[in-house]
Amino acid sequence: MKLTFLGTGTSGGVPGLGCNCKVCRSMDPHDNRLRAAALLETRQTRILIDAGPDIRQQLLRQPFRKIDAVLLTHIHYDHVAGIDDLKTFCQFGDLNIYANEATVRGLHQTMPYCFAEHLYPGVPKLSLHTIKPHQSLQIGDISVLPIEVMHDKLPILGYRFGSFAYITDMKTIADSELSRLAGVETLVVNALRWKKEHHSHMLVDEAIDFARKVGAKVTYFTHMNHEIGLHAEASRLLPPGFHLAFDGEVLQL
C-alpha cells in the first residue's frame, strides 16, 4: 500500500496570493503546497482522501484509473470544492463518497445540481454514503476505521488504515478517540505553523505532542501554511522521526 501526498498546504495554499515572503517566493518545489489531499493505493484499490479546489491539477499528475472511494474529512471548501472535477472518473461508474452526516448534508446544499430529480447532462454522478466514527468499512482490499477529531468545535473525521492513520484539520481529540489510534506506526497529521496560536489547527509543538501520545514511529506533517518556513530549514528543526511532507511525496506503507 502506498500514499501519495497530492497537496500539503493549508486553505490558501503556498505561495499565497499577494504574499512576498521568502517561502512564497521560493523556487524550491518543496515550498509549493497545494491544498491538502492524498491518494491511498494498492494494486487493486484506489482511495482519494479529500478533493479540494486543486484536485484537477493534482490528479493530472497521476495515472488515470478508477477511484474506488472518496473519503471526506469535512465540508470546508478547501477539502470538497473539487468534487465536480472528479466527474471524468464517473466513466467507471458512480463515484462513491464517504463522509459524516454533516458533510453529506453540506454537499446537498453546495452541489444541489448533483441531486436534482432530473440531472443536467454531464454532472458528476455521486453515490453518498453516510459513515460514523468507529464503524469500520471495507473498500476493496483496504480496511478503513473512521475516527472523530475536533476542528475547533466542529466534529470531523480522520481515518485509520491498519497501522497507518491520516488526520488533518485537527485541534483536539478526546481521550476515548486517542485510544483508537493505539498501534499506529505511521501517522500523517496537520501542523499549521510553529507559533501564534490558532483556534482550529494544531501548531508544530502540539502535533509533535499528539504523535508521541499515539506512539507513532514516524510522523509526517501536512496542512501547513507559509509560516512553517522554508522546507529545507524547517525540516532541520524537527526531532527524529518527524518530517514535513511535500507535494508529490510517496510513502510505502
Protein backbone atom coordinates (compact mmCIF):
# COMPACT_ATOMS: atom_id res chain seq x y z
CA MET A 1 0.00 0.00 0.00
CA LYS A 2 1.28 3.46 -0.80
CA LEU A 3 0.21 7.01 -0.02
CA THR A 4 0.85 9.93 -2.34
CA PHE A 5 0.63 13.43 -0.91
CA LEU A 6 -1.32 15.31 -3.58
CA GLY A 7 -1.24 18.50 -1.54
CA THR A 8 0.21 19.51 1.84
CA GLY A 9 -0.89 23.14 2.09
CA THR A 10 -3.47 24.91 4.17
CA SER A 11 -6.69 26.53 2.89
CA GLY A 12 -4.94 29.27 0.89
CA GLY A 13 -2.12 27.16 -0.46
CA VAL A 14 1.53 28.18 -0.74
CA PRO A 15 2.53 30.54 -2.30
CA GLY A 16 -0.25 32.75 -1.04
CA LEU A 17 -1.86 35.37 -3.23
CA GLY A 18 -0.22 38.74 -2.69
CA CYS A 19 2.48 37.42 -0.36
CA ASN A 20 6.13 38.19 -0.95
CA CYS A 21 7.66 36.34 1.99
CA LYS A 22 10.73 34.17 1.37
CA VAL A 23 8.63 30.99 1.39
CA CYS A 24 6.12 32.26 -1.14
CA ARG A 25 8.99 33.50 -3.36
CA SER A 26 10.97 30.27 -3.00
CA MET A 27 11.97 28.41 -6.16
CA ASP A 28 12.27 25.14 -4.24
CA PRO A 29 9.31 22.93 -5.30
CA HIS A 30 9.13 21.62 -1.72
CA ASP A 31 7.83 25.07 -0.74
CA ASN A 32 4.92 24.97 -3.21
CA ARG A 33 1.94 23.49 -1.39
CA LEU A 34 -1.45 22.81 -2.99
CA ARG A 35 -4.49 22.27 -0.79
CA ALA A 36 -4.32 19.14 1.38
CA ALA A 37 -5.35 15.85 -0.25
CA ALA A 38 -3.90 12.36 -0.56
CA LEU A 39 -4.21 9.21 -2.65
CA LEU A 40 -4.03 5.80 -0.96
CA GLU A 41 -3.50 2.82 -3.27
CA THR A 42 -2.92 -0.88 -3.51
CA ARG A 43 -2.71 -2.83 -6.75
CA GLN A 44 -6.46 -3.39 -6.56
CA THR A 45 -7.90 -0.37 -4.78
CA ARG A 46 -7.65 3.40 -5.00
CA ILE A 47 -8.93 5.79 -2.31
CA LEU A 48 -8.87 9.57 -2.55
CA ILE A 49 -8.80 11.48 0.74
CA ASP A 50 -10.45 14.89 0.24
CA ALA A 51 -10.97 16.73 -3.04
CA GLY A 52 -10.24 20.42 -2.69
CA PRO A 53 -10.06 23.15 -5.34
CA ASP A 54 -6.69 21.93 -6.67
CA ILE A 55 -7.77 18.33 -7.26
CA ARG A 56 -7.82 18.53 -11.08
CA GLN A 57 -4.24 19.78 -11.16
CA GLN A 58 -3.21 17.18 -8.57
CA LEU A 59 -4.75 14.21 -10.35
CA LEU A 60 -3.35 15.20 -13.75
CA ARG A 61 0.00 14.08 -12.33
CA GLN A 62 -1.34 10.60 -11.52
CA PRO A 63 -2.19 7.65 -13.78
CA PHE A 64 -5.82 7.82 -14.83
CA ARG A 65 -7.78 4.87 -13.47
CA LYS A 66 -10.81 4.19 -11.33
CA ILE A 67 -11.19 5.80 -7.92
CA ASP A 68 -12.97 3.29 -5.71
CA ALA A 69 -13.87 5.74 -2.95
CA VAL A 70 -13.51 9.34 -1.85
CA LEU A 71 -13.15 9.78 1.90
CA LEU A 72 -14.00 13.29 3.05
CA THR A 73 -12.78 14.71 6.33
CA HIS A 74 -15.25 17.62 6.47
CA ILE A 75 -17.28 20.08 4.41
CA HIS A 76 -14.89 23.05 4.30
CA TYR A 77 -14.19 24.46 0.84
CA ASP A 78 -10.51 23.50 0.73
CA HIS A 79 -11.48 19.84 1.19
CA VAL A 80 -14.54 19.45 -1.07
CA ALA A 81 -14.51 22.20 -3.71
CA GLY A 82 -13.05 19.95 -6.41
CA ILE A 83 -15.64 17.18 -6.31
CA ASP A 84 -17.19 18.35 -9.57
CA ASP A 85 -13.78 17.89 -11.24
CA LEU A 86 -13.99 14.17 -10.49
CA LYS A 87 -16.83 13.70 -12.98
CA THR A 88 -14.42 12.27 -15.56
CA PHE A 89 -13.95 9.28 -13.25
CA CYS A 90 -17.69 8.57 -13.49
CA GLN A 91 -16.96 6.70 -16.74
CA PHE A 92 -16.05 3.85 -14.38
CA GLY A 93 -19.40 4.14 -12.56
CA ASP A 94 -20.93 6.35 -9.88
CA LEU A 95 -18.41 8.00 -7.59
CA ASN A 96 -18.69 6.61 -4.06
CA ILE A 97 -18.21 9.35 -1.48
CA TYR A 98 -17.97 8.60 2.24
CA ALA A 99 -18.46 11.32 4.84
CA ASN A 100 -20.12 12.09 8.14
CA GLU A 101 -23.72 13.28 8.30
CA ALA A 102 -22.87 16.99 8.43
CA THR A 103 -20.68 16.73 5.33
CA VAL A 104 -23.27 14.74 3.37
CA ARG A 105 -25.87 17.34 4.28
CA GLY A 106 -23.49 20.12 3.26
CA LEU A 107 -22.84 18.56 -0.15
CA HIS A 108 -26.57 18.62 -0.87
CA GLN A 109 -26.52 22.34 -0.13
CA THR A 110 -23.34 23.24 -2.04
CA MET A 111 -23.92 20.93 -5.03
CA PRO A 112 -27.74 20.72 -5.36
CA TYR A 113 -27.48 20.19 -9.13
CA CYS A 114 -25.95 16.75 -8.46
CA PHE A 115 -29.03 15.58 -6.57
CA ALA A 116 -31.89 17.01 -8.62
CA GLU A 117 -34.70 14.78 -9.88
CA HIS A 118 -33.62 15.48 -13.45
CA LEU A 119 -29.84 15.69 -13.67
CA TYR A 120 -28.23 18.13 -16.05
CA PRO A 121 -26.16 16.21 -18.63
CA GLY A 122 -22.53 15.99 -17.61
CA VAL A 123 -22.86 16.47 -13.86
CA PRO A 124 -20.89 14.03 -11.70
CA LYS A 125 -22.88 11.01 -10.60
CA LEU A 126 -22.35 10.82 -6.87
CA SER A 127 -23.27 8.00 -4.52
CA LEU A 128 -23.13 9.42 -1.00
CA HIS A 129 -22.52 7.14 1.98
CA THR A 130 -23.03 8.50 5.49
CA ILE A 131 -20.49 7.00 7.87
CA LYS A 132 -19.96 7.29 11.60
CA PRO A 133 -16.88 7.17 13.80
CA HIS A 134 -15.77 3.67 14.86
CA GLN A 135 -17.89 1.90 12.24
CA SER A 136 -15.36 0.09 10.06
CA LEU A 137 -15.83 -0.22 6.33
CA GLN A 138 -14.12 -2.26 3.67
CA ILE A 139 -13.19 -0.65 0.37
CA GLY A 140 -11.68 -3.27 -1.91
CA ASP A 141 -8.76 -4.74 -0.02
CA ILE A 142 -8.40 -1.71 2.29
CA SER A 143 -9.97 -1.64 5.76
CA VAL A 144 -10.99 1.82 6.96
CA LEU A 145 -11.75 2.95 10.51
CA PRO A 146 -13.17 6.49 10.79
CA ILE A 147 -12.32 8.32 14.00
CA GLU A 148 -13.61 11.65 15.26
CA VAL A 149 -11.43 14.67 15.95
CA MET A 150 -12.33 18.28 16.64
CA HIS A 151 -11.69 21.14 14.22
CA ASP A 152 -12.31 23.84 16.80
CA LYS A 153 -15.93 22.99 17.72
CA LEU A 154 -16.67 21.09 14.51
CA PRO A 155 -16.52 17.27 14.72
CA ILE A 156 -14.68 15.96 11.65
CA LEU A 157 -13.26 12.62 10.55
CA GLY A 158 -9.77 11.20 10.50
CA TYR A 159 -9.08 7.76 9.06
CA ARG A 160 -7.08 4.76 10.21
CA PHE A 161 -5.91 2.08 7.79
CA GLY A 162 -4.28 -0.67 9.84
CA SER A 163 -1.02 0.70 11.24
CA PHE A 164 -1.37 3.95 9.28
CA ALA A 165 -3.56 6.96 10.11
CA TYR A 166 -4.36 10.18 8.23
CA ILE A 167 -5.69 13.16 10.18
CA THR A 168 -5.99 16.76 9.07
CA ASP A 169 -7.51 19.99 10.43
CA MET A 170 -7.46 18.67 13.99
CA LYS A 171 -7.16 20.91 17.03
CA THR A 172 -8.12 18.46 19.78
CA ILE A 173 -9.04 14.83 20.24
CA ALA A 174 -10.92 13.08 23.04
CA ASP A 175 -9.02 10.54 25.13
CA SER A 176 -11.51 7.89 24.03
CA GLU A 177 -10.64 8.56 20.39
CA LEU A 178 -6.92 8.63 21.10
CA SER A 179 -7.10 5.05 22.32
CA ARG A 180 -8.38 4.00 18.88
CA LEU A 181 -5.05 5.05 17.41
CA ALA A 182 -3.06 2.63 19.56
CA GLY A 183 -0.66 0.66 17.39
CA VAL A 184 -0.43 3.26 14.62
CA GLU A 185 3.14 3.26 13.34
CA THR A 186 2.94 5.83 10.55
CA LEU A 187 0.95 9.00 11.19
CA VAL A 188 0.01 11.91 8.95
CA VAL A 189 -1.30 14.90 10.88
CA ASN A 190 -1.77 18.63 10.42
CA ALA A 191 0.74 21.17 11.73
CA LEU A 192 -0.16 24.67 10.61
CA ARG A 193 2.90 26.65 11.73
CA TRP A 194 5.41 26.98 14.57
CA LYS A 195 3.98 29.78 16.70
CA LYS A 196 0.95 32.08 17.05
CA GLU A 197 -1.95 30.09 18.48
CA HIS A 198 -4.74 29.05 16.12
CA HIS A 199 -8.28 28.27 17.24
CA SER A 200 -8.86 25.27 14.97
CA HIS A 201 -5.47 23.89 13.89
CA MET A 202 -2.56 22.38 15.79
CA LEU A 203 0.81 24.06 15.80
CA VAL A 204 4.01 22.07 15.29
CA ASP A 205 4.64 21.52 19.02
CA GLU A 206 1.05 20.38 19.53
CA ALA A 207 1.33 17.96 16.61
CA ILE A 208 4.59 16.54 17.99
CA ASP A 209 2.98 16.03 21.39
CA PHE A 210 -0.02 14.33 19.79
CA ALA A 211 2.14 11.99 17.72
CA ARG A 212 4.09 10.99 20.80
CA LYS A 213 0.86 10.20 22.63
CA VAL A 214 -0.18 8.00 19.72
CA GLY A 215 3.22 6.31 19.82
CA ALA A 216 3.83 6.59 16.07
CA LYS A 217 7.27 5.55 14.88
CA VAL A 218 7.26 8.12 12.08
CA THR A 219 5.09 11.21 11.58
CA TYR A 220 4.53 13.41 8.52
CA PHE A 221 3.07 16.89 8.83
CA THR A 222 0.56 18.24 6.33
CA HIS A 223 -1.85 21.21 6.01
CA MET A 224 0.96 23.73 6.51
CA ASN A 225 0.97 27.42 5.64
CA HIS A 226 3.89 29.64 4.64
CA GLU A 227 4.67 30.40 8.27
CA ILE A 228 6.09 26.88 8.59
CA GLY A 229 9.20 28.32 6.93
CA LEU A 230 11.37 27.08 4.11
CA HIS A 231 11.12 23.31 3.81
CA ALA A 232 14.88 22.75 3.97
CA GLU A 233 15.35 24.96 7.03
CA ALA A 234 12.24 23.90 8.94
CA SER A 235 12.95 20.20 8.43
CA ARG A 236 16.22 20.54 10.34
CA LEU A 237 14.35 21.85 13.39
CA LEU A 238 12.21 18.72 13.77
CA PRO A 239 13.12 15.90 16.18
CA PRO A 240 14.00 12.44 14.80
CA GLY A 241 11.02 10.60 13.34
CA PHE A 242 9.19 13.78 12.27
CA HIS A 243 9.04 15.13 8.72
CA LEU A 244 7.42 17.92 6.73
CA ALA A 245 5.54 16.16 3.95
CA PHE A 246 5.70 17.75 0.50
CA ASP A 247 3.52 17.65 -2.58
CA GLY A 248 4.19 14.54 -4.64
CA GLU A 249 5.93 12.65 -1.84
CA VAL A 250 5.16 8.93 -1.80
CA LEU A 251 5.11 6.74 1.32
CA GLN A 252 5.38 2.97 1.06
CA LEU A 253 3.23 1.61 3.86
